[in-house]
Amino acid sequence: MQVALDDYVWAAGVATELVNTAAEVWHGEDHLPDLTALVAFVELHDHDDRGGLPGLARRARPADLRAVRALRGTVRDLIDHPGRDHLVTGASALTSPAGGATLVPDPAHEHRTRWAIPLRPEATVFDALSLVCGVGVLGVVHTLGEGRFRACGAPTCHGAFIDTTRPGRRRYCMPGLCGNRTNVANHRARQAAAREPDGATG
């Protein structure tokens, strides 16, 4: 398995989704409770037709699951403290156990290559996800800047995210969930305010 450096948008998305499986985001319910959930997470976010990442997940052991859970905290710390030096140092540590960057064939363009970092043969699913998260963070810092690392804007959510959208105006860690909840809450508040009689006092 290898992670292309220009795949940072996908990689940052995986980092965001991994961080937001933590129990603190779901009010105490861990969304990576066991190895089966880890395999499901990896299969959902894999984009390599050769299945390298899911294969590593299916071979994972309980120690690998614990390591991946710890990785969530490491990546969350980077998002929560987005100083450029902190981001670069932390993300570089995530990618360092992998092999050095090398040129590989670009599957989308015949006779072209792109830079990628390959995993070592003995790598685990933790190593793979560390590499993915590291590439995501480094790519976003380099291309979009450290202002793209944010806490969720929903008042009741403890999630965080890396914004890779073109305009850079993303507000929620899970737009379909947190964004909808916030819109519903705001709508109800407006309705309640409209129902109050003019001049009403508390």
Protein backbone atom coordinates (compact mmCIF):
# COMPACT_ATOMS: atom_id res chain seq x y z
CA MET A 1 0.00 0.00 0.00
CA GLN A 2 1.09 3.57 -0.69
CA VAL A 3 -0.38 7.02 -0.12
CA ALA A 4 0.04 9.60 -2.88
CA LEU A 5 0.97 13.05 -1.65
CA ASP A 6 -1.59 14.69 -3.93
CA ASP A 7 -4.35 12.62 -2.31
CA TYR A 8 -4.26 14.93 0.72
CA VAL A 9 -7.97 15.86 0.40
CA TRP A 10 -9.02 12.21 0.74
CA ALA A 11 -6.43 11.68 3.49
CA ALA A 12 -7.61 14.72 5.46
CA GLY A 13 -11.15 13.41 5.16
CA VAL A 14 -10.09 10.08 6.65
CA ALA A 15 -8.33 11.94 9.47
CA THR A 16 -11.49 13.93 10.20
CA GLU A 17 -13.71 10.85 10.16
CA LEU A 18 -11.30 8.92 12.38
CA VAL A 19 -11.14 11.69 14.98
CA ASN A 20 -14.91 11.88 15.05
CA THR A 21 -15.39 8.22 15.95
CA ALA A 22 -14.22 9.07 19.49
CA ALA A 23 -16.60 8.68 22.42
CA GLU A 24 -16.26 12.36 23.37
CA VAL A 25 -17.91 13.30 20.07
CA TRP A 26 -20.80 10.88 20.57
CA HIS A 27 -21.55 11.63 24.23
CA GLY A 28 -19.79 8.53 25.51
CA GLU A 29 -20.41 6.06 22.67
CA ASP A 30 -17.19 4.98 20.97
CA HIS A 31 -17.74 4.36 17.26
CA LEU A 32 -14.69 2.09 17.09
CA PRO A 33 -15.75 -0.37 19.79
CA ASP A 34 -14.15 -3.48 18.29
CA LEU A 35 -12.17 -4.92 15.39
CA THR A 36 -15.30 -5.40 13.31
CA ALA A 37 -16.01 -1.67 13.53
CA LEU A 38 -12.41 -0.92 12.58
CA VAL A 39 -12.70 -3.06 9.44
CA ALA A 40 -16.00 -1.36 8.55
CA PHE A 41 -14.45 2.08 9.02
CA VAL A 42 -11.49 1.26 6.80
CA GLU A 43 -13.64 -0.32 4.08
CA LEU A 44 -15.87 2.76 4.06
CA HIS A 45 -12.94 5.12 3.57
CA ASP A 46 -10.61 3.07 1.38
CA HIS A 47 -10.08 4.28 -2.18
CA ASP A 48 -7.42 1.82 -3.30
CA ASP A 49 -8.82 -0.76 -5.70
CA ARG A 50 -6.16 -3.21 -4.54
CA GLY A 51 -7.67 -3.31 -1.04
CA GLY A 52 -4.44 -2.78 0.85
CA LEU A 53 -5.94 -0.87 3.77
CA PRO A 54 -8.93 -3.20 4.33
CA GLY A 55 -6.56 -6.18 4.16
CA LEU A 56 -4.48 -4.71 6.97
CA ALA A 57 -7.62 -4.02 9.00
CA ARG A 58 -8.85 -7.58 8.62
CA ARG A 59 -5.52 -8.83 10.02
CA ALA A 60 -5.62 -6.43 12.96
CA ARG A 61 -5.39 -7.58 16.56
CA PRO A 62 -6.68 -5.92 19.75
CA ALA A 63 -3.34 -4.11 20.20
CA ASP A 64 -3.78 -2.57 16.74
CA LEU A 65 -7.25 -1.34 17.68
CA ARG A 66 -5.87 0.28 20.82
CA ALA A 67 -3.16 1.95 18.76
CA VAL A 68 -5.70 3.32 16.30
CA ARG A 69 -7.78 4.70 19.15
CA ALA A 70 -4.69 6.42 20.50
CA LEU A 71 -4.05 7.81 17.01
CA ARG A 72 -7.39 9.60 17.21
CA GLY A 73 -6.13 11.56 20.19
CA THR A 74 -2.88 12.43 18.43
CA VAL A 75 -4.67 13.75 15.35
CA ARG A 76 -7.26 15.57 17.48
CA ASP A 77 -4.45 17.36 19.28
CA LEU A 78 -3.10 18.57 15.94
CA ILE A 79 -6.51 19.90 14.91
CA ASP A 80 -7.09 21.55 18.28
CA HIS A 81 -3.68 23.28 18.28
CA PRO A 82 -3.14 24.30 14.66
CA GLY A 83 0.10 26.18 14.91
CA ARG A 84 2.09 25.58 11.74
CA ASP A 85 5.18 24.20 13.48
CA HIS A 86 3.06 21.94 15.70
CA LEU A 87 1.14 20.62 12.70
CA VAL A 88 4.22 19.97 10.61
CA THR A 89 6.17 18.32 13.44
CA GLY A 90 3.25 16.16 14.53
CA ALA A 91 2.24 15.10 11.03
CA SER A 92 5.84 14.36 10.08
CA ALA A 93 6.06 12.03 13.07
CA LEU A 94 3.00 10.18 11.75
CA THR A 95 4.55 9.63 8.33
CA SER A 96 8.13 8.90 9.45
CA PRO A 97 7.75 5.12 10.10
CA ALA A 98 6.78 4.62 6.44
CA GLY A 99 9.23 4.52 3.57
CA GLY A 100 10.53 7.67 1.90
CA ALA A 101 8.61 9.39 -0.87
CA THR A 102 9.07 7.94 -4.33
CA LEU A 103 7.62 8.36 -7.81
CA VAL A 104 4.90 5.88 -8.76
CA PRO A 105 2.71 5.46 -11.87
CA ASP A 106 -0.36 7.69 -11.91
CA PRO A 107 -3.38 5.42 -12.52
CA ALA A 108 -5.40 8.35 -13.86
CA HIS A 109 -2.83 9.41 -16.49
CA GLU A 110 -0.88 7.03 -18.67
CA HIS A 111 2.87 7.70 -18.87
CA ARG A 112 2.74 10.04 -15.87
CA THR A 113 3.96 9.62 -12.32
CA ARG A 114 3.23 11.17 -8.95
CA TRP A 115 4.89 11.29 -5.54
CA ALA A 116 3.78 8.71 -2.98
CA ILE A 117 4.95 7.24 0.31
CA PRO A 118 4.87 3.42 0.46
CA LEU A 119 4.24 1.41 3.60
CA ARG A 120 6.86 -1.03 4.76
CA PRO A 121 5.99 -4.72 4.22
CA GLU A 122 5.51 -5.35 7.95
CA ALA A 123 3.13 -2.40 8.40
CA THR A 124 -0.07 -2.65 10.46
CA VAL A 125 -3.41 -0.91 10.01
CA PHE A 126 -2.22 1.59 12.62
CA ASP A 127 0.85 2.37 10.51
CA ALA A 128 -1.35 2.79 7.45
CA LEU A 129 -3.82 5.12 9.14
CA SER A 130 -0.97 7.11 10.69
CA LEU A 131 0.49 7.61 7.23
CA VAL A 132 -2.87 8.61 5.78
CA CYS A 133 -3.53 11.12 8.57
CA GLY A 134 -0.02 12.52 8.35
CA VAL A 135 -0.26 13.05 4.59
CA GLY A 136 -3.66 14.69 5.03
CA VAL A 137 -2.42 17.15 7.63
CA LEU A 138 0.80 17.99 5.78
CA GLY A 139 -1.00 18.42 2.48
CA VAL A 140 -3.58 20.78 3.93
CA VAL A 141 -0.98 22.84 5.80
CA HIS A 142 1.12 23.19 2.65
CA THR A 143 -1.72 23.81 0.20
CA LEU A 144 -4.50 25.49 2.19
CA GLY A 145 -2.90 26.73 5.41
CA GLU A 146 -3.30 26.09 9.11
CA GLY A 147 -6.59 28.01 9.27
CA ARG A 148 -8.35 24.93 7.89
CA PHE A 149 -8.14 23.01 11.21
CA ARG A 150 -11.24 23.72 13.29
CA ALA A 151 -13.61 22.66 16.04
CA CYS A 152 -17.20 21.92 15.04
CA GLY A 153 -19.41 25.02 15.01
CA ALA A 154 -22.46 23.22 16.42
CA PRO A 155 -23.00 24.33 20.03
CA THR A 156 -23.64 20.83 21.37
CA CYS A 157 -20.94 18.99 19.36
CA HIS A 158 -17.39 18.21 20.48
CA GLY A 159 -16.18 17.14 17.05
CA ALA A 160 -13.40 18.64 14.93
CA PHE A 161 -12.49 18.66 11.26
CA ILE A 162 -10.04 19.60 8.54
CA ASP A 163 -11.69 21.84 5.96
CA THR A 164 -10.61 20.98 2.42
CA THR A 165 -13.49 22.72 0.66
CA ARG A 166 -12.57 25.21 -2.04
CA PRO A 167 -14.06 28.29 -0.33
CA GLY A 168 -12.87 27.18 3.12
CA ARG A 169 -16.12 28.04 4.87
CA ARG A 170 -17.06 24.66 6.31
CA ARG A 171 -18.49 25.02 9.84
CA TYR A 172 -19.37 21.52 11.01
CA CYS A 173 -17.50 18.26 11.53
CA MET A 174 -20.45 16.33 10.07
CA PRO A 175 -22.42 18.81 7.95
CA GLY A 176 -25.28 16.40 7.30
CA LEU A 177 -25.76 15.81 11.03
CA CYS A 178 -24.46 18.80 12.97
CA GLY A 179 -25.45 21.31 10.31
CA ASN A 180 -29.00 19.96 10.11
CA ARG A 181 -29.37 19.90 13.89
CA THR A 182 -28.22 23.50 14.14
CA ASN A 183 -30.56 24.61 11.34
CA VAL A 184 -33.51 22.86 13.01
CA ALA A 185 -32.68 24.43 16.38
CA ASN A 186 -32.38 27.88 14.82
CA HIS A 187 -35.66 27.41 12.95
CA ARG A 188 -37.48 26.43 16.13
CA ALA A 189 -36.00 29.39 17.98
CA ARG A 190 -37.24 31.76 15.26
CA GLN A 191 -40.71 30.19 15.37
CA ALA A 192 -40.85 30.52 19.15
CA ALA A 193 -39.77 34.16 18.95
CA ALA A 194 -42.42 34.88 16.30
CA ARG A 195 -45.15 33.37 18.51
CA GLU A 196 -44.36 35.69 21.43
CA PRO A 197 -46.72 38.65 21.65
CA ASP A 198 -45.29 42.10 20.96
CA GLY A 199 -43.90 43.73 24.05
CA ALA A 200 -43.81 40.46 26.02
CA THR A 201 -41.39 40.47 28.92
CA GLY A 202 -39.64 37.64 30.71
